[in-house]
Amino acid sequence: MLSLRPNCEYCDKDLPAHATEARICSYECTFCADCVETVLFNVCPNCGGGFVPRPIRPATARRPGVFLGRHPASQDRVHLKKDRTEVAAFVQTVRHIKPEDR
């Protein structure tokens, strides 16, 4: 189950469980759509993969026990561990390659 991280790892913008602008990679690295589009150019700075919109976990139990109240979003904020200069250089070397070809 996705942890639904609460923030953008780059700019620290709040991304609550219902945020439609949250983007994740296959390792669940979480960034806001603005950072993915204008800074990272669809390159995860941690793994080099691409991003997809993060799914929304239902707030209401439409099936027994399957909802945000039973499986809450993470409250642990995650921050990028790499220097922004290093991230920019890495993104430049990878962004021309389609995510499915990385």
C-alpha atoms as a PDB file:
ATOM      1  CA  MET A   1       0.000   0.000   0.000  1.00  0.00           C
ATOM      2  CA  LEU A   2       1.294   3.484  -0.835  1.00  0.00           C
ATOM      3  CA  SER A   3       2.420   5.522   2.143  1.00  0.00           C
ATOM      4  CA  LEU A   4       0.993   8.748   0.636  1.00  0.00           C
ATOM      5  CA  ARG A   5       3.854  10.974   1.720  1.00  0.00           C
ATOM      6  CA  PRO A   6       2.701  14.408   2.908  1.00  0.00           C
ATOM      7  CA  ASN A   7       5.054  16.731   1.027  1.00  0.00           C
ATOM      8  CA  CYS A   8       7.081  17.484  -2.082  1.00  0.00           C
ATOM      9  CA  GLU A   9      10.638  16.276  -1.519  1.00  0.00           C
ATOM     10  CA  TYR A  10      12.001  19.245  -3.494  1.00  0.00           C
ATOM     11  CA  CYS A  11      10.042  22.348  -2.386  1.00  0.00           C
ATOM     12  CA  ASP A  12       8.331  20.906   0.741  1.00  0.00           C
ATOM     13  CA  LYS A  13       4.852  21.866  -0.489  1.00  0.00           C
ATOM     14  CA  ASP A  14       2.105  20.117   1.460  1.00  0.00           C
ATOM     15  CA  LEU A  15       0.590  17.224  -0.504  1.00  0.00           C
ATOM     16  CA  PRO A  16      -2.280  15.822   1.570  1.00  0.00           C
ATOM     17  CA  ALA A  17      -3.779  12.451   0.665  1.00  0.00           C
ATOM     18  CA  HIS A  18      -6.373  14.086  -1.607  1.00  0.00           C
ATOM     19  CA  ALA A  19      -3.842  16.263  -3.505  1.00  0.00           C
ATOM     20  CA  THR A  20      -4.297  15.877  -7.252  1.00  0.00           C
ATOM     21  CA  GLU A  21      -0.947  17.581  -7.930  1.00  0.00           C
ATOM     22  CA  ALA A  22       1.110  14.866  -6.172  1.00  0.00           C
ATOM     23  CA  ARG A  23       3.421  12.851  -8.435  1.00  0.00           C
ATOM     24  CA  ILE A  24       5.280   9.638  -7.562  1.00  0.00           C
ATOM     25  CA  CYS A  25       7.914   7.412  -9.147  1.00  0.00           C
ATOM     26  CA  SER A  26       7.973   3.624  -8.878  1.00  0.00           C
ATOM     27  CA  TYR A  27       9.857   3.923  -5.563  1.00  0.00           C
ATOM     28  CA  GLU A  28       7.185   6.277  -4.245  1.00  0.00           C
ATOM     29  CA  CYS A  29       9.423   9.333  -4.245  1.00  0.00           C
ATOM     30  CA  THR A  30       6.914  12.172  -4.018  1.00  0.00           C
ATOM     31  CA  PHE A  31       7.028  15.591  -5.662  1.00  0.00           C
ATOM     32  CA  CYS A  32       4.490  18.253  -6.644  1.00  0.00           C
ATOM     33  CA  ALA A  33       3.457  18.581 -10.288  1.00  0.00           C
ATOM     34  CA  ASP A  34       5.115  22.004 -10.557  1.00  0.00           C
ATOM     35  CA  CYS A  35       8.547  20.688  -9.497  1.00  0.00           C
ATOM     36  CA  VAL A  36       8.182  17.607 -11.727  1.00  0.00           C
ATOM     37  CA  GLU A  37       7.349  19.752 -14.762  1.00  0.00           C
ATOM     38  CA  THR A  38       9.551  22.839 -14.303  1.00  0.00           C
ATOM     39  CA  VAL A  39      12.590  21.656 -12.312  1.00  0.00           C
ATOM     40  CA  LEU A  40      12.879  17.884 -12.648  1.00  0.00           C
ATOM     41  CA  PHE A  41      11.496  17.532 -16.191  1.00  0.00           C
ATOM     42  CA  ASN A  42       9.907  14.169 -15.317  1.00  0.00           C
ATOM     43  CA  VAL A  43      13.192  12.736 -13.975  1.00  0.00           C
ATOM     44  CA  CYS A  44      13.192  11.386 -10.441  1.00  0.00           C
ATOM     45  CA  PRO A  45      16.401  12.734  -8.871  1.00  0.00           C
ATOM     46  CA  ASN A  46      16.626   9.653  -6.648  1.00  0.00           C
ATOM     47  CA  CYS A  47      16.204   6.804  -9.151  1.00  0.00           C
ATOM     48  CA  GLY A  48      16.142   8.368 -12.626  1.00  0.00           C
ATOM     49  CA  GLY A  49      12.654   7.078 -13.388  1.00  0.00           C
ATOM     50  CA  GLY A  50       9.612   9.054 -14.472  1.00  0.00           C
ATOM     51  CA  PHE A  51       6.541  10.179 -12.553  1.00  0.00           C
ATOM     52  CA  VAL A  52       2.827   9.453 -12.596  1.00  0.00           C
ATOM     53  CA  PRO A  53      -0.047  11.099 -10.720  1.00  0.00           C
ATOM     54  CA  ARG A  54      -0.354   9.671  -7.215  1.00  0.00           C
ATOM     55  CA  PRO A  55      -3.671   7.834  -6.736  1.00  0.00           C
ATOM     56  CA  ILE A  56      -6.231   9.212  -4.308  1.00  0.00           C
ATOM     57  CA  ARG A  57      -7.118   6.876  -1.446  1.00  0.00           C
ATOM     58  CA  PRO A  58     -10.891   7.016  -0.812  1.00  0.00           C
ATOM     59  CA  ALA A  59     -11.842   9.118   2.216  1.00  0.00           C
ATOM     60  CA  THR A  60     -15.080   7.156   2.623  1.00  0.00           C
ATOM     61  CA  ALA A  61     -15.346   3.392   3.083  1.00  0.00           C
ATOM     62  CA  ARG A  62     -17.199   2.289  -0.030  1.00  0.00           C
ATOM     63  CA  ARG A  63     -15.911  -1.219   0.712  1.00  0.00           C
ATOM     64  CA  PRO A  64     -15.590  -2.403   4.324  1.00  0.00           C
ATOM     65  CA  GLY A  65     -12.308  -1.261   5.888  1.00  0.00           C
ATOM     66  CA  VAL A  66     -10.828   0.151   2.704  1.00  0.00           C
ATOM     67  CA  PHE A  67     -10.454   3.893   3.160  1.00  0.00           C
ATOM     68  CA  LEU A  68      -8.183   6.646   4.406  1.00  0.00           C
ATOM     69  CA  GLY A  69      -9.513   6.411   7.965  1.00  0.00           C
ATOM     70  CA  ARG A  70      -8.434   2.778   8.245  1.00  0.00           C
ATOM     71  CA  HIS A  71      -5.197   3.228   6.295  1.00  0.00           C
ATOM     72  CA  PRO A  72      -4.104   6.842   6.908  1.00  0.00           C
ATOM     73  CA  ALA A  73      -1.521   8.733   4.906  1.00  0.00           C
ATOM     74  CA  SER A  74       2.003   9.013   6.261  1.00  0.00           C
ATOM     75  CA  GLN A  75       2.868  12.031   8.387  1.00  0.00           C
ATOM     76  CA  ASP A  76       6.621  11.555   7.897  1.00  0.00           C
ATOM     77  CA  ARG A  77       7.959  14.373   5.750  1.00  0.00           C
ATOM     78  CA  VAL A  78      10.693  13.349   3.302  1.00  0.00           C
ATOM     79  CA  HIS A  79      13.262  15.785   1.926  1.00  0.00           C
ATOM     80  CA  LEU A  80      15.633  15.477  -0.993  1.00  0.00           C
ATOM     81  CA  LYS A  81      19.026  14.324   0.263  1.00  0.00           C
ATOM     82  CA  LYS A  82      20.956  15.448  -2.799  1.00  0.00           C
ATOM     83  CA  ASP A  83      22.291  18.942  -3.471  1.00  0.00           C
ATOM     84  CA  ARG A  84      20.122  20.917  -5.913  1.00  0.00           C
ATOM     85  CA  THR A  85      23.119  21.570  -8.172  1.00  0.00           C
ATOM     86  CA  GLU A  86      23.770  17.829  -8.369  1.00  0.00           C
ATOM     87  CA  VAL A  87      20.064  17.216  -9.081  1.00  0.00           C
ATOM     88  CA  ALA A  88      20.067  19.761 -11.920  1.00  0.00           C
ATOM     89  CA  ALA A  89      23.159  18.181 -13.497  1.00  0.00           C
ATOM     90  CA  PHE A  90      21.677  14.680 -13.209  1.00  0.00           C
ATOM     91  CA  VAL A  91      18.350  15.777 -14.705  1.00  0.00           C
ATOM     92  CA  GLN A  92      20.162  17.333 -17.681  1.00  0.00           C
ATOM     93  CA  THR A  93      21.918  14.047 -18.462  1.00  0.00           C
ATOM     94  CA  VAL A  94      18.727  11.965 -18.316  1.00  0.00           C
ATOM     95  CA  ARG A  95      15.775  14.160 -19.355  1.00  0.00           C
ATOM     96  CA  HIS A  96      16.147  13.520 -23.091  1.00  0.00           C
ATOM     97  CA  ILE A  97      15.589   9.772 -22.566  1.00  0.00           C
ATOM     98  CA  LYS A  98      11.965   8.642 -22.374  1.00  0.00           C
ATOM     99  CA  PRO A  99      11.094   7.198 -18.918  1.00  0.00           C
ATOM    100  CA  GLU A 100      10.301   3.805 -20.446  1.00  0.00           C
ATOM    101  CA  ASP A 101      13.795   3.707 -21.997  1.00  0.00           C
ATOM    102  CA  ARG A 102      15.722   4.729 -18.875  1.00  0.00           C
END
